[in-house]
Amino acid sequence: MTEPANLEAVMGLIMHGGDAKGKAVEAIRKAKTGAFSEAHHLIKQANDALNIAHRSQTEFLTQEAAGNTVELSLLLIHGQDHLMTALTFIDLAKEVIALYEKIDNSH
């Protein structure tokens, strides 16, 4: 079995996308305990990881736009899945944190 082209970019999607989602999950858990400063810091870390993953995705988009076909592999699809899940989860985490803050402020 041969190694997929652009393996480094694919692994960037997987690792940093997964890290972004994980930080968002941690942020929700911190907000649940009232640790809002930590929750916001984790959201910032999630966004930082997401930006790195997004740069990996941009490598593929640039390559495709230049007329160079991007080889599809299960790893690339998995990486894209991590990126999209992270995007959604970060947005959701921000809303959940805001709700926990609102509840906390009403007491």
N, C-alpha and C. Protein backbone atom coordinates (compact mmCIF):
# COMPACT_ATOMS: atom_id res chain seq x y z
N MET A 1 0.85 -1.18 0.00
CA MET A 1 0.00 0.00 0.00
C MET A 1 0.89 1.24 0.00
N THR A 2 0.57 2.18 -0.84
CA THR A 2 1.38 3.39 -0.94
C THR A 2 0.83 4.48 -0.03
N GLU A 3 1.72 5.33 0.37
CA GLU A 3 1.36 6.46 1.23
C GLU A 3 0.60 7.49 0.41
N PRO A 4 -0.51 8.02 0.94
CA PRO A 4 -1.25 9.03 0.18
C PRO A 4 -0.42 10.28 -0.05
N ALA A 5 -0.68 10.93 -1.19
CA ALA A 5 -0.02 12.22 -1.46
C ALA A 5 -0.47 13.22 -0.41
N ASN A 6 0.37 14.16 -0.08
CA ASN A 6 0.05 15.22 0.89
C ASN A 6 -0.30 14.66 2.28
N LEU A 7 0.38 13.60 2.66
CA LEU A 7 0.09 12.96 3.95
C LEU A 7 0.22 13.94 5.11
N GLU A 8 1.20 14.82 5.04
CA GLU A 8 1.40 15.78 6.13
C GLU A 8 0.18 16.69 6.29
N ALA A 9 -0.37 17.18 5.19
CA ALA A 9 -1.56 18.04 5.24
C ALA A 9 -2.77 17.25 5.74
N VAL A 10 -2.89 16.01 5.29
CA VAL A 10 -4.00 15.15 5.75
C VAL A 10 -3.91 14.95 7.26
N MET A 11 -2.72 14.65 7.75
CA MET A 11 -2.56 14.44 9.18
C MET A 11 -2.80 15.74 9.95
N GLY A 12 -2.49 16.89 9.35
CA GLY A 12 -2.80 18.17 9.98
C GLY A 12 -4.29 18.35 10.17
N LEU A 13 -5.07 17.96 9.16
CA LEU A 13 -6.53 18.02 9.28
C LEU A 13 -7.00 17.15 10.44
N ILE A 14 -6.50 15.92 10.47
CA ILE A 14 -6.96 14.97 11.48
C ILE A 14 -6.55 15.41 12.88
N MET A 15 -5.27 15.70 13.06
CA MET A 15 -4.77 16.02 14.40
C MET A 15 -5.34 17.34 14.94
N HIS A 16 -5.25 18.38 14.14
CA HIS A 16 -5.66 19.69 14.63
C HIS A 16 -7.18 19.84 14.66
N GLY A 17 -7.86 19.22 13.71
CA GLY A 17 -9.32 19.21 13.75
C GLY A 17 -9.82 18.48 14.98
N GLY A 18 -9.22 17.33 15.27
CA GLY A 18 -9.60 16.57 16.47
C GLY A 18 -9.27 17.33 17.75
N ASP A 19 -8.13 18.00 17.76
CA ASP A 19 -7.74 18.79 18.93
C ASP A 19 -8.72 19.94 19.14
N ALA A 20 -9.14 20.58 18.06
CA ALA A 20 -10.09 21.70 18.16
C ALA A 20 -11.40 21.22 18.78
N LYS A 21 -11.91 20.10 18.31
CA LYS A 21 -13.16 19.57 18.85
C LYS A 21 -12.98 19.22 20.33
N GLY A 22 -11.88 18.58 20.66
CA GLY A 22 -11.62 18.20 22.05
C GLY A 22 -11.58 19.40 22.98
N LYS A 23 -10.93 20.48 22.53
CA LYS A 23 -10.87 21.70 23.35
C LYS A 23 -12.27 22.30 23.54
N ALA A 24 -13.10 22.22 22.51
CA ALA A 24 -14.47 22.73 22.63
C ALA A 24 -15.27 21.91 23.64
N VAL A 25 -15.08 20.60 23.63
CA VAL A 25 -15.76 19.74 24.61
C VAL A 25 -15.30 20.10 26.02
N GLU A 26 -13.99 20.27 26.19
CA GLU A 26 -13.45 20.67 27.49
C GLU A 26 -14.03 22.01 27.93
N ALA A 27 -14.17 22.92 27.00
CA ALA A 27 -14.71 24.25 27.32
C ALA A 27 -16.13 24.15 27.86
N ILE A 28 -16.94 23.32 27.26
CA ILE A 28 -18.31 23.12 27.76
C ILE A 28 -18.28 22.56 29.17
N ARG A 29 -17.42 21.61 29.40
CA ARG A 29 -17.32 21.00 30.75
C ARG A 29 -16.87 22.02 31.79
N LYS A 30 -15.94 22.91 31.41
CA LYS A 30 -15.50 23.95 32.34
C LYS A 30 -16.64 24.93 32.63
N ALA A 31 -17.36 25.30 31.59
CA ALA A 31 -18.49 26.23 31.78
C ALA A 31 -19.54 25.61 32.69
N LYS A 32 -19.75 24.33 32.55
CA LYS A 32 -20.74 23.63 33.38
C LYS A 32 -20.41 23.75 34.86
N THR A 33 -19.12 23.85 35.19
CA THR A 33 -18.70 23.97 36.59
C THR A 33 -18.55 25.42 37.02
N GLY A 34 -18.83 26.36 36.08
CA GLY A 34 -18.72 27.77 36.42
C GLY A 34 -17.35 28.37 36.15
N ALA A 35 -16.44 27.60 35.56
CA ALA A 35 -15.08 28.09 35.27
C ALA A 35 -15.08 28.76 33.88
N PHE A 36 -15.72 29.93 33.82
CA PHE A 36 -15.94 30.58 32.53
C PHE A 36 -14.66 31.12 31.91
N SER A 37 -13.75 31.62 32.70
CA SER A 37 -12.49 32.12 32.16
C SER A 37 -11.73 30.98 31.48
N GLU A 38 -11.69 29.83 32.14
CA GLU A 38 -11.03 28.66 31.55
C GLU A 38 -11.76 28.21 30.29
N ALA A 39 -13.08 28.26 30.32
CA ALA A 39 -13.87 27.85 29.16
C ALA A 39 -13.55 28.74 27.96
N HIS A 40 -13.47 30.04 28.18
CA HIS A 40 -13.16 30.95 27.08
C HIS A 40 -11.74 30.75 26.57
N HIS A 41 -10.82 30.44 27.48
CA HIS A 41 -9.44 30.16 27.08
C HIS A 41 -9.40 28.89 26.22
N LEU A 42 -10.16 27.89 26.59
CA LEU A 42 -10.20 26.65 25.80
C LEU A 42 -10.83 26.89 24.43
N ILE A 43 -11.81 27.76 24.34
CA ILE A 43 -12.39 28.10 23.04
C ILE A 43 -11.35 28.78 22.17
N LYS A 44 -10.53 29.65 22.77
CA LYS A 44 -9.45 30.28 22.00
C LYS A 44 -8.48 29.22 21.50
N GLN A 45 -8.12 28.27 22.36
CA GLN A 45 -7.23 27.19 21.93
C GLN A 45 -7.88 26.35 20.82
N ALA A 46 -9.18 26.11 20.94
CA ALA A 46 -9.90 25.36 19.91
C ALA A 46 -9.84 26.10 18.58
N ASN A 47 -10.04 27.41 18.62
CA ASN A 47 -9.97 28.21 17.39
C ASN A 47 -8.56 28.22 16.81
N ASP A 48 -7.55 28.26 17.66
CA ASP A 48 -6.16 28.21 17.18
C ASP A 48 -5.90 26.89 16.46
N ALA A 49 -6.33 25.78 17.05
CA ALA A 49 -6.15 24.47 16.42
C ALA A 49 -6.95 24.39 15.12
N LEU A 50 -8.15 24.95 15.14
CA LEU A 50 -8.99 24.97 13.94
C LEU A 50 -8.30 25.73 12.80
N ASN A 51 -7.68 26.84 13.13
CA ASN A 51 -6.98 27.62 12.10
C ASN A 51 -5.83 26.84 11.48
N ILE A 52 -5.12 26.07 12.29
CA ILE A 52 -4.04 25.24 11.76
C ILE A 52 -4.62 24.16 10.83
N ALA A 53 -5.71 23.53 11.27
CA ALA A 53 -6.36 22.52 10.43
C ALA A 53 -6.86 23.15 9.14
N HIS A 54 -7.38 24.34 9.24
CA HIS A 54 -7.90 25.02 8.06
C HIS A 54 -6.79 25.32 7.06
N ARG A 55 -5.61 25.64 7.55
CA ARG A 55 -4.46 25.87 6.65
C ARG A 55 -4.13 24.59 5.88
N SER A 56 -4.25 23.45 6.55
CA SER A 56 -4.03 22.17 5.86
C SER A 56 -5.05 21.99 4.75
N GLN A 57 -6.31 22.31 5.05
CA GLN A 57 -7.36 22.19 4.04
C GLN A 57 -7.08 23.14 2.87
N THR A 58 -6.60 24.33 3.18
CA THR A 58 -6.31 25.33 2.15
C THR A 58 -5.26 24.82 1.18
N GLU A 59 -4.30 24.02 1.68
CA GLU A 59 -3.31 23.42 0.79
C GLU A 59 -3.99 22.60 -0.31
N PHE A 60 -5.00 21.82 0.09
CA PHE A 60 -5.72 21.00 -0.89
C PHE A 60 -6.53 21.86 -1.85
N LEU A 61 -7.18 22.87 -1.34
CA LEU A 61 -7.99 23.75 -2.19
C LEU A 61 -7.12 24.50 -3.19
N THR A 62 -5.97 24.96 -2.75
CA THR A 62 -5.04 25.67 -3.63
C THR A 62 -4.53 24.74 -4.73
N GLN A 63 -4.19 23.53 -4.33
CA GLN A 63 -3.71 22.54 -5.29
C GLN A 63 -4.78 22.25 -6.34
N GLU A 64 -6.01 22.04 -5.89
CA GLU A 64 -7.11 21.74 -6.80
C GLU A 64 -7.39 22.94 -7.72
N ALA A 65 -7.37 24.15 -7.16
CA ALA A 65 -7.62 25.36 -7.95
C ALA A 65 -6.55 25.57 -9.02
N ALA A 66 -5.34 25.09 -8.75
CA ALA A 66 -4.25 25.22 -9.71
C ALA A 66 -4.33 24.16 -10.81
N GLY A 67 -5.35 23.32 -10.75
CA GLY A 67 -5.53 22.31 -11.78
C GLY A 67 -4.88 20.98 -11.48
N ASN A 68 -4.35 20.85 -10.28
CA ASN A 68 -3.73 19.58 -9.86
C ASN A 68 -4.73 18.79 -9.04
N THR A 69 -5.12 17.66 -9.56
CA THR A 69 -6.12 16.84 -8.89
C THR A 69 -5.61 16.37 -7.53
N VAL A 70 -6.46 16.49 -6.53
CA VAL A 70 -6.13 16.02 -5.18
C VAL A 70 -6.59 14.57 -5.08
N GLU A 71 -5.67 13.72 -4.68
CA GLU A 71 -5.98 12.30 -4.52
C GLU A 71 -6.89 12.11 -3.31
N LEU A 72 -8.06 11.55 -3.56
CA LEU A 72 -8.98 11.27 -2.45
C LEU A 72 -8.57 9.97 -1.77
N SER A 73 -8.57 10.01 -0.47
CA SER A 73 -8.28 8.81 0.31
C SER A 73 -9.19 8.81 1.53
N LEU A 74 -9.31 7.67 2.15
CA LEU A 74 -10.11 7.59 3.37
C LEU A 74 -9.54 8.51 4.43
N LEU A 75 -8.23 8.65 4.49
CA LEU A 75 -7.61 9.56 5.46
C LEU A 75 -8.01 11.01 5.20
N LEU A 76 -8.04 11.41 3.94
CA LEU A 76 -8.45 12.78 3.62
C LEU A 76 -9.91 13.02 4.00
N ILE A 77 -10.76 12.07 3.69
CA ILE A 77 -12.17 12.19 4.05
C ILE A 77 -12.31 12.25 5.58
N HIS A 78 -11.55 11.44 6.27
CA HIS A 78 -11.57 11.44 7.74
C HIS A 78 -11.12 12.81 8.27
N GLY A 79 -10.09 13.37 7.66
CA GLY A 79 -9.60 14.68 8.07
C GLY A 79 -10.63 15.77 7.84
N GLN A 80 -11.30 15.72 6.70
CA GLN A 80 -12.35 16.69 6.40
C GLN A 80 -13.49 16.56 7.42
N ASP A 81 -13.80 15.34 7.79
CA ASP A 81 -14.84 15.09 8.78
C ASP A 81 -14.46 15.72 10.12
N HIS A 82 -13.20 15.56 10.52
CA HIS A 82 -12.73 16.18 11.77
C HIS A 82 -12.86 17.69 11.70
N LEU A 83 -12.48 18.27 10.57
CA LEU A 83 -12.55 19.73 10.43
C LEU A 83 -13.99 20.23 10.53
N MET A 84 -14.89 19.59 9.81
CA MET A 84 -16.29 20.03 9.82
C MET A 84 -16.92 19.81 11.20
N THR A 85 -16.59 18.73 11.85
CA THR A 85 -17.12 18.47 13.19
C THR A 85 -16.60 19.52 14.17
N ALA A 86 -15.33 19.86 14.05
CA ALA A 86 -14.75 20.88 14.93
C ALA A 86 -15.42 22.23 14.72
N LEU A 87 -15.65 22.62 13.47
CA LEU A 87 -16.32 23.89 13.19
C LEU A 87 -17.69 23.93 13.87
N THR A 88 -18.44 22.88 13.70
CA THR A 88 -19.78 22.82 14.29
C THR A 88 -19.72 22.80 15.81
N PHE A 89 -18.81 22.02 16.35
CA PHE A 89 -18.72 21.87 17.79
C PHE A 89 -18.29 23.16 18.47
N ILE A 90 -17.37 23.89 17.87
CA ILE A 90 -16.93 25.16 18.45
C ILE A 90 -18.09 26.15 18.49
N ASP A 91 -18.84 26.23 17.40
CA ASP A 91 -20.01 27.12 17.38
C ASP A 91 -21.00 26.72 18.47
N LEU A 92 -21.26 25.44 18.60
CA LEU A 92 -22.19 24.95 19.61
C LEU A 92 -21.65 25.23 21.02
N ALA A 93 -20.36 25.01 21.22
CA ALA A 93 -19.76 25.23 22.53
C ALA A 93 -19.89 26.69 22.96
N LYS A 94 -19.71 27.61 22.03
CA LYS A 94 -19.85 29.04 22.35
C LYS A 94 -21.26 29.34 22.85
N GLU A 95 -22.25 28.75 22.20
CA GLU A 95 -23.64 28.96 22.61
C GLU A 95 -23.92 28.35 23.98
N VAL A 96 -23.42 27.15 24.21
CA VAL A 96 -23.63 26.48 25.50
C VAL A 96 -22.96 27.27 26.62
N ILE A 97 -21.74 27.75 26.38
CA ILE A 97 -21.04 28.54 27.39
C ILE A 97 -21.83 29.81 27.70
N ALA A 98 -22.34 30.47 26.67
CA ALA A 98 -23.14 31.68 26.88
C ALA A 98 -24.38 31.37 27.72
N LEU A 99 -25.00 30.24 27.48
CA LEU A 99 -26.17 29.85 28.28
C LEU A 99 -25.80 29.60 29.74
N TYR A 100 -24.70 28.88 29.96
CA TYR A 100 -24.26 28.65 31.34
C TYR A 100 -23.94 29.97 32.04
N GLU A 101 -23.32 30.90 31.32
CA GLU A 101 -23.03 32.21 31.90
C GLU A 101 -24.32 32.96 32.24
N LYS A 102 -25.29 32.89 31.37
CA LYS A 102 -26.57 33.56 31.61
C LYS A 102 -27.26 32.97 32.84
N ILE A 103 -27.25 31.66 32.94
CA ILE A 103 -27.84 31.00 34.10
C ILE A 103 -27.11 31.40 35.37
N ASP A 104 -25.79 31.42 35.29
CA ASP A 104 -24.97 31.78 36.46
C ASP A 104 -25.24 33.23 36.89
N ASN A 105 -25.40 34.12 35.93
CA ASN A 105 -25.63 35.54 36.23
C ASN A 105 -27.03 35.81 36.77
N SER A 106 -27.96 34.89 36.53
CA SER A 106 -29.33 35.11 37.00
C SER A 106 -29.51 34.67 38.44
N HIS A 107 -28.50 34.06 39.03
CA HIS A 107 -28.62 33.63 40.43
C HIS A 107 -28.10 34.65 41.38
